[in-house]
Amino acid sequence: MAKLNRIRVVLAERDLNNKWLSDKLGKDPATVSKWVTNTTQPSLEALIAIANALEVPVQELVRQDEFSQEKLS
């Protein structure tokens, strides 16, 4: 599976961890762990909540280089 999000990177840049994010969002730590490891992807609503919690634009959490136009064909 392609690594479509950069949640792990942004957490590390801010010296934060999965537990902090799960507490901030009120989500199960296992769910947040799956998002951070790119095992599953958060919904758009969850991605917006993550961006708000980390005080970054949503675009900073998305890896556009991993999802190119070629993969849509």
PDB file of N, CA and C in Angstrom:
ATOM      1  N   MET A   1       0.845  -1.190   0.000  1.00  0.00           N
ATOM      2  CA  MET A   1       0.000   0.000   0.000  1.00  0.00           C
ATOM      3  C   MET A   1       0.882   1.242   0.000  1.00  0.00           C
ATOM      4  N   ALA A   2       0.507   2.215  -0.797  1.00  0.00           N
ATOM      5  CA  ALA A   2       1.255   3.463  -0.873  1.00  0.00           C
ATOM      6  C   ALA A   2       1.113   4.245   0.428  1.00  0.00           C
ATOM      7  N   LYS A   3       2.179   4.934   0.762  1.00  0.00           N
ATOM      8  CA  LYS A   3       2.139   5.790   1.945  1.00  0.00           C
ATOM      9  C   LYS A   3       1.538   7.119   1.530  1.00  0.00           C
ATOM     10  N   LEU A   4       0.247   7.249   1.744  1.00  0.00           N
ATOM     11  CA  LEU A   4      -0.479   8.405   1.246  1.00  0.00           C
ATOM     12  C   LEU A   4      -0.489   9.583   2.203  1.00  0.00           C
ATOM     13  N   ASN A   5      -0.219   9.348   3.475  1.00  0.00           N
ATOM     14  CA  ASN A   5      -0.243  10.482   4.400  1.00  0.00           C
ATOM     15  C   ASN A   5       1.110  10.676   5.085  1.00  0.00           C
ATOM     16  N   ARG A   6       1.289  11.864   5.631  1.00  0.00           N
ATOM     17  CA  ARG A   6       2.534  12.255   6.290  1.00  0.00           C
ATOM     18  C   ARG A   6       2.304  12.515   7.781  1.00  0.00           C
ATOM     19  N   ILE A   7       1.320  11.870   8.367  1.00  0.00           N
ATOM     20  CA  ILE A   7       1.002  12.133   9.774  1.00  0.00           C
ATOM     21  C   ILE A   7       2.207  11.848  10.657  1.00  0.00           C
ATOM     22  N   ARG A   8       2.877  10.729  10.426  1.00  0.00           N
ATOM     23  CA  ARG A   8       4.046  10.369  11.232  1.00  0.00           C
ATOM     24  C   ARG A   8       5.126  11.454  11.166  1.00  0.00           C
ATOM     25  N   VAL A   9       5.372  11.949   9.985  1.00  0.00           N
ATOM     26  CA  VAL A   9       6.405  12.968   9.777  1.00  0.00           C
ATOM     27  C   VAL A   9       6.067  14.249  10.533  1.00  0.00           C
ATOM     28  N   VAL A  10       4.819  14.680  10.408  1.00  0.00           N
ATOM     29  CA  VAL A  10       4.401  15.922  11.071  1.00  0.00           C
ATOM     30  C   VAL A  10       4.422  15.759  12.589  1.00  0.00           C
ATOM     31  N   LEU A  11       3.995  14.616  13.090  1.00  0.00           N
ATOM     32  CA  LEU A  11       4.086  14.368  14.538  1.00  0.00           C
ATOM     33  C   LEU A  11       5.533  14.450  15.003  1.00  0.00           C
ATOM     34  N   ALA A  12       6.444  13.827  14.267  1.00  0.00           N
ATOM     35  CA  ALA A  12       7.859  13.826  14.641  1.00  0.00           C
ATOM     36  C   ALA A  12       8.435  15.243  14.594  1.00  0.00           C
ATOM     37  N   GLU A  13       8.070  16.005  13.575  1.00  0.00           N
ATOM     38  CA  GLU A  13       8.564  17.379  13.463  1.00  0.00           C
ATOM     39  C   GLU A  13       8.138  18.227  14.656  1.00  0.00           C
ATOM     40  N   ARG A  14       7.011  17.904  15.238  1.00  0.00           N
ATOM     41  CA  ARG A  14       6.487  18.665  16.379  1.00  0.00           C
ATOM     42  C   ARG A  14       6.781  17.998  17.719  1.00  0.00           C
ATOM     43  N   ASP A  15       7.551  16.930  17.665  1.00  0.00           N
ATOM     44  CA  ASP A  15       7.922  16.175  18.865  1.00  0.00           C
ATOM     45  C   ASP A  15       6.681  15.708  19.630  1.00  0.00           C
ATOM     46  N   LEU A  16       5.713  15.194  18.872  1.00  0.00           N
ATOM     47  CA  LEU A  16       4.477  14.660  19.440  1.00  0.00           C
ATOM     48  C   LEU A  16       4.392  13.185  19.099  1.00  0.00           C
ATOM     49  N   ASN A  17       3.460  12.476  19.746  1.00  0.00           N
ATOM     50  CA  ASN A  17       3.332  11.042  19.490  1.00  0.00           C
ATOM     51  C   ASN A  17       1.871  10.645  19.247  1.00  0.00           C
ATOM     52  N   ASN A  18       1.696   9.372  18.903  1.00  0.00           N
ATOM     53  CA  ASN A  18       0.366   8.840  18.605  1.00  0.00           C
ATOM     54  C   ASN A  18      -0.596   9.040  19.771  1.00  0.00           C
ATOM     55  N   LYS A  19      -0.115   8.817  20.992  1.00  0.00           N
ATOM     56  CA  LYS A  19      -0.983   8.945  22.169  1.00  0.00           C
ATOM     57  C   LYS A  19      -1.518  10.365  22.288  1.00  0.00           C
ATOM     58  N   TRP A  20      -0.646  11.342  22.084  1.00  0.00           N
ATOM     59  CA  TRP A  20      -1.082  12.729  22.142  1.00  0.00           C
ATOM     60  C   TRP A  20      -2.199  12.961  21.131  1.00  0.00           C
ATOM     61  N   LEU A  21      -1.998  12.478  19.900  1.00  0.00           N
ATOM     62  CA  LEU A  21      -2.989  12.685  18.850  1.00  0.00           C
ATOM     63  C   LEU A  21      -4.295  11.953  19.160  1.00  0.00           C
ATOM     64  N   SER A  22      -4.205  10.727  19.647  1.00  0.00           N
ATOM     65  CA  SER A  22      -5.431   9.987  19.970  1.00  0.00           C
ATOM     66  C   SER A  22      -6.191  10.672  21.105  1.00  0.00           C
ATOM     67  N   ASP A  23      -5.479  11.185  22.092  1.00  0.00           N
ATOM     68  CA  ASP A  23      -6.138  11.925  23.177  1.00  0.00           C
ATOM     69  C   ASP A  23      -6.785  13.207  22.659  1.00  0.00           C
ATOM     70  N   LYS A  24      -6.083  13.907  21.813  1.00  0.00           N
ATOM     71  CA  LYS A  24      -6.564  15.184  21.264  1.00  0.00           C
ATOM     72  C   LYS A  24      -7.822  14.980  20.410  1.00  0.00           C
ATOM     73  N   LEU A  25      -7.851  13.874  19.664  1.00  0.00           N
ATOM     74  CA  LEU A  25      -8.986  13.609  18.780  1.00  0.00           C
ATOM     75  C   LEU A  25     -10.088  12.788  19.433  1.00  0.00           C
ATOM     76  N   GLY A  26      -9.802  12.187  20.593  1.00  0.00           N
ATOM     77  CA  GLY A  26     -10.772  11.306  21.231  1.00  0.00           C
ATOM     78  C   GLY A  26     -10.964  10.012  20.468  1.00  0.00           C
ATOM     79  N   LYS A  27      -9.894   9.560  19.812  1.00  0.00           N
ATOM     80  CA  LYS A  27      -9.934   8.333  19.013  1.00  0.00           C
ATOM     81  C   LYS A  27      -9.150   7.231  19.704  1.00  0.00           C
ATOM     82  N   ASP A  28      -9.473   5.994  19.365  1.00  0.00           N
ATOM     83  CA  ASP A  28      -8.764   4.838  19.899  1.00  0.00           C
ATOM     84  C   ASP A  28      -7.300   4.886  19.437  1.00  0.00           C
ATOM     85  N   PRO A  29      -6.349   4.651  20.342  1.00  0.00           N
ATOM     86  CA  PRO A  29      -4.938   4.663  19.946  1.00  0.00           C
ATOM     87  C   PRO A  29      -4.612   3.690  18.813  1.00  0.00           C
ATOM     88  N   ALA A  30      -5.302   2.564  18.736  1.00  0.00           N
ATOM     89  CA  ALA A  30      -5.051   1.603  17.662  1.00  0.00           C
ATOM     90  C   ALA A  30      -5.438   2.189  16.306  1.00  0.00           C
ATOM     91  N   THR A  31      -6.517   2.946  16.275  1.00  0.00           N
ATOM     92  CA  THR A  31      -6.942   3.593  15.031  1.00  0.00           C
ATOM     93  C   THR A  31      -5.904   4.610  14.584  1.00  0.00           C
ATOM     94  N   VAL A  32      -5.458   5.434  15.512  1.00  0.00           N
ATOM     95  CA  VAL A  32      -4.443   6.450  15.190  1.00  0.00           C
ATOM     96  C   VAL A  32      -3.158   5.774  14.732  1.00  0.00           C
ATOM     97  N   SER A  33      -2.788   4.684  15.376  1.00  0.00           N
ATOM     98  CA  SER A  33      -1.584   3.953  14.975  1.00  0.00           C
ATOM     99  C   SER A  33      -1.686   3.477  13.531  1.00  0.00           C
ATOM    100  N   LYS A  34      -2.847   2.993  13.138  1.00  0.00           N
ATOM    101  CA  LYS A  34      -3.041   2.537  11.752  1.00  0.00           C
ATOM    102  C   LYS A  34      -2.916   3.689  10.768  1.00  0.00           C
ATOM    103  N   TRP A  35      -3.389   4.871  11.152  1.00  0.00           N
ATOM    104  CA  TRP A  35      -3.243   6.042  10.296  1.00  0.00           C
ATOM    105  C   TRP A  35      -1.778   6.437  10.174  1.00  0.00           C
ATOM    106  N   VAL A  36      -1.093   6.466  11.311  1.00  0.00           N
ATOM    107  CA  VAL A  36       0.307   6.909  11.339  1.00  0.00           C
ATOM    108  C   VAL A  36       1.204   5.962  10.540  1.00  0.00           C
ATOM    109  N   THR A  37       0.919   4.687  10.577  1.00  0.00           N
ATOM    110  CA  THR A  37       1.736   3.714   9.857  1.00  0.00           C
ATOM    111  C   THR A  37       1.257   3.492   8.424  1.00  0.00           C
ATOM    112  N   ASN A  38       0.230   4.223   8.017  1.00  0.00           N
ATOM    113  CA  ASN A  38      -0.343   4.103   6.677  1.00  0.00           C
ATOM    114  C   ASN A  38      -0.946   2.723   6.404  1.00  0.00           C
ATOM    115  N   THR A  39      -1.312   2.005   7.453  1.00  0.00           N
ATOM    116  CA  THR A  39      -2.001   0.724   7.292  1.00  0.00           C
ATOM    117  C   THR A  39      -3.399   0.973   6.746  1.00  0.00           C
ATOM    118  N   THR A  40      -4.052   1.999   7.283  1.00  0.00           N
ATOM    119  CA  THR A  40      -5.336   2.480   6.770  1.00  0.00           C
ATOM    120  C   THR A  40      -5.245   3.996   6.673  1.00  0.00           C
ATOM    121  N   GLN A  41      -6.170   4.570   5.930  1.00  0.00           N
ATOM    122  CA  GLN A  41      -6.181   6.025   5.776  1.00  0.00           C
ATOM    123  C   GLN A  41      -7.371   6.609   6.521  1.00  0.00           C
ATOM    124  N   PRO A  42      -7.155   7.776   7.142  1.00  0.00           N
ATOM    125  CA  PRO A  42      -8.277   8.429   7.819  1.00  0.00           C
ATOM    126  C   PRO A  42      -9.287   8.956   6.809  1.00  0.00           C
ATOM    127  N   SER A  43     -10.512   9.094   7.251  1.00  0.00           N
ATOM    128  CA  SER A  43     -11.531   9.723   6.409  1.00  0.00           C
ATOM    129  C   SER A  43     -11.154  11.186   6.206  1.00  0.00           C
ATOM    130  N   LEU A  44     -11.818  11.829   5.277  1.00  0.00           N
ATOM    131  CA  LEU A  44     -11.559  13.248   5.046  1.00  0.00           C
ATOM    132  C   LEU A  44     -11.855  14.055   6.305  1.00  0.00           C
ATOM    133  N   GLU A  45     -12.932  13.715   6.983  1.00  0.00           N
ATOM    134  CA  GLU A  45     -13.287  14.425   8.215  1.00  0.00           C
ATOM    135  C   GLU A  45     -12.202  14.245   9.280  1.00  0.00           C
ATOM    136  N   ALA A  46     -11.692  13.021   9.400  1.00  0.00           N
ATOM    137  CA  ALA A  46     -10.636  12.756  10.371  1.00  0.00           C
ATOM    138  C   ALA A  46      -9.348  13.472   9.977  1.00  0.00           C
ATOM    139  N   LEU A  47      -9.045  13.510   8.695  1.00  0.00           N
ATOM    140  CA  LEU A  47      -7.842  14.188   8.220  1.00  0.00           C
ATOM    141  C   LEU A  47      -7.909  15.686   8.542  1.00  0.00           C
ATOM    142  N   ILE A  48      -9.074  16.273   8.377  1.00  0.00           N
ATOM    143  CA  ILE A  48      -9.258  17.687   8.724  1.00  0.00           C
ATOM    144  C   ILE A  48      -9.079  17.887  10.228  1.00  0.00           C
ATOM    145  N   ALA A  49      -9.622  16.982  11.040  1.00  0.00           N
ATOM    146  CA  ALA A  49      -9.466  17.076  12.500  1.00  0.00           C
ATOM    147  C   ALA A  49      -7.990  16.938  12.889  1.00  0.00           C
ATOM    148  N   ILE A  50      -7.270  16.041  12.229  1.00  0.00           N
ATOM    149  CA  ILE A  50      -5.846  15.856  12.496  1.00  0.00           C
ATOM    150  C   ILE A  50      -5.083  17.136  12.159  1.00  0.00           C
ATOM    151  N   ALA A  51      -5.381  17.697  10.997  1.00  0.00           N
ATOM    152  CA  ALA A  51      -4.726  18.945  10.580  1.00  0.00           C
ATOM    153  C   ALA A  51      -4.999  20.063  11.580  1.00  0.00           C
ATOM    154  N   ASN A  52      -6.234  20.160  12.052  1.00  0.00           N
ATOM    155  CA  ASN A  52      -6.576  21.178  13.041  1.00  0.00           C
ATOM    156  C   ASN A  52      -5.823  20.953  14.349  1.00  0.00           C
ATOM    157  N   ALA A  53      -5.746  19.703  14.793  1.00  0.00           N
ATOM    158  CA  ALA A  53      -5.046  19.390  16.043  1.00  0.00           C
ATOM    159  C   ALA A  53      -3.556  19.728  15.936  1.00  0.00           C
ATOM    160  N   LEU A  54      -2.983  19.460  14.764  1.00  0.00           N
ATOM    161  CA  LEU A  54      -1.556  19.723  14.558  1.00  0.00           C
ATOM    162  C   LEU A  54      -1.281  21.145  14.078  1.00  0.00           C
ATOM    163  N   GLU A  55      -2.354  21.896  13.836  1.00  0.00           N
ATOM    164  CA  GLU A  55      -2.260  23.280  13.367  1.00  0.00           C
ATOM    165  C   GLU A  55      -1.443  23.395  12.084  1.00  0.00           C
ATOM    166  N   VAL A  56      -1.808  22.538  11.113  1.00  0.00           N
ATOM    167  CA  VAL A  56      -1.175  22.561   9.792  1.00  0.00           C
ATOM    168  C   VAL A  56      -2.273  22.504   8.734  1.00  0.00           C
ATOM    169  N   PRO A  57      -1.976  22.954   7.527  1.00  0.00           N
ATOM    170  CA  PRO A  57      -2.951  22.782   6.448  1.00  0.00           C
ATOM    171  C   PRO A  57      -3.099  21.302   6.102  1.00  0.00           C
ATOM    172  N   VAL A  58      -4.278  20.904   5.689  1.00  0.00           N
ATOM    173  CA  VAL A  58      -4.526  19.510   5.320  1.00  0.00           C
ATOM    174  C   VAL A  58      -3.513  19.048   4.270  1.00  0.00           C
ATOM    175  N   GLN A  59      -3.163  19.928   3.350  1.00  0.00           N
ATOM    176  CA  GLN A  59      -2.227  19.577   2.282  1.00  0.00           C
ATOM    177  C   GLN A  59      -0.886  19.096   2.814  1.00  0.00           C
ATOM    178  N   GLU A  60      -0.502  19.557   3.990  1.00  0.00           N
ATOM    179  CA  GLU A  60       0.772  19.138   4.571  1.00  0.00           C
ATOM    180  C   GLU A  60       0.745  17.672   5.025  1.00  0.00           C
ATOM    181  N   LEU A  61      -0.446  17.125   5.195  1.00  0.00           N
ATOM    182  CA  LEU A  61      -0.582  15.742   5.647  1.00  0.00           C
ATOM    183  C   LEU A  61      -0.713  14.744   4.500  1.00  0.00           C
ATOM    184  N   VAL A  62      -0.815  15.243   3.274  1.00  0.00           N
ATOM    185  CA  VAL A  62      -1.049  14.375   2.126  1.00  0.00           C
ATOM    186  C   VAL A  62       0.196  14.307   1.260  1.00  0.00           C
ATOM    187  N   ARG A  63       0.584  13.087   0.879  1.00  0.00           N
ATOM    188  CA  ARG A  63       1.726  12.880   0.000  1.00  0.00           C
ATOM    189  C   ARG A  63       1.239  12.775  -1.430  1.00  0.00           C
ATOM    190  N   GLN A  64       1.287  13.850  -2.135  1.00  0.00           N
ATOM    191  CA  GLN A  64       0.804  13.857  -3.505  1.00  0.00           C
ATOM    192  C   GLN A  64       1.727  13.096  -4.440  1.00  0.00           C
ATOM    193  N   ASP A  65       3.007  13.012  -4.123  1.00  0.00           N
ATOM    194  CA  ASP A  65       3.950  12.301  -4.985  1.00  0.00           C
ATOM    195  C   ASP A  65       3.653  10.807  -5.041  1.00  0.00           C
ATOM    196  N   GLU A  66       2.990  10.257  -4.049  1.00  0.00           N
ATOM    197  CA  GLU A  66       2.657   8.836  -4.011  1.00  0.00           C
ATOM    198  C   GLU A  66       1.370   8.526  -4.783  1.00  0.00           C
ATOM    199  N   PHE A  67       0.624   9.546  -5.097  1.00  0.00           N
ATOM    200  CA  PHE A  67      -0.657   9.330  -5.764  1.00  0.00           C
ATOM    201  C   PHE A  67      -0.673  10.156  -7.033  1.00  0.00           C
ATOM    202  N   SER A  68      -0.036   9.658  -8.041  1.00  0.00           N
ATOM    203  CA  SER A  68       0.099  10.402  -9.294  1.00  0.00           C
ATOM    204  C   SER A  68      -1.067  10.114 -10.227  1.00  0.00           C
ATOM    205  N   GLN A  69      -1.183  10.922 -11.243  1.00  0.00           N
ATOM    206  CA  GLN A  69      -2.230  10.764 -12.253  1.00  0.00           C
ATOM    207  C   GLN A  69      -2.106   9.399 -12.946  1.00  0.00           C
ATOM    208  N   GLU A  70      -0.885   8.885 -13.072  1.00  0.00           N
ATOM    209  CA  GLU A  70      -0.667   7.591 -13.727  1.00  0.00           C
ATOM    210  C   GLU A  70      -1.384   6.464 -13.011  1.00  0.00           C
ATOM    211  N   LYS A  71      -1.493   6.537 -11.699  1.00  0.00           N
ATOM    212  CA  LYS A  71      -2.125   5.468 -10.925  1.00  0.00           C
ATOM    213  C   LYS A  71      -3.638   5.474 -11.108  1.00  0.00           C
ATOM    214  N   LEU A  72      -4.180   6.571 -11.621  1.00  0.00           N
ATOM    215  CA  LEU A  72      -5.610   6.626 -11.856  1.00  0.00           C
ATOM    216  C   LEU A  72      -6.002   5.904 -13.135  1.00  0.00           C
ATOM    217  N   SER A  73      -5.061   5.733 -14.031  1.00  0.00           N
ATOM    218  CA  SER A  73      -5.343   5.102 -15.326  1.00  0.00           C
ATOM    219  C   SER A  73      -5.482   3.614 -15.218  1.00  0.00           C
TER     220      SER A  73
END
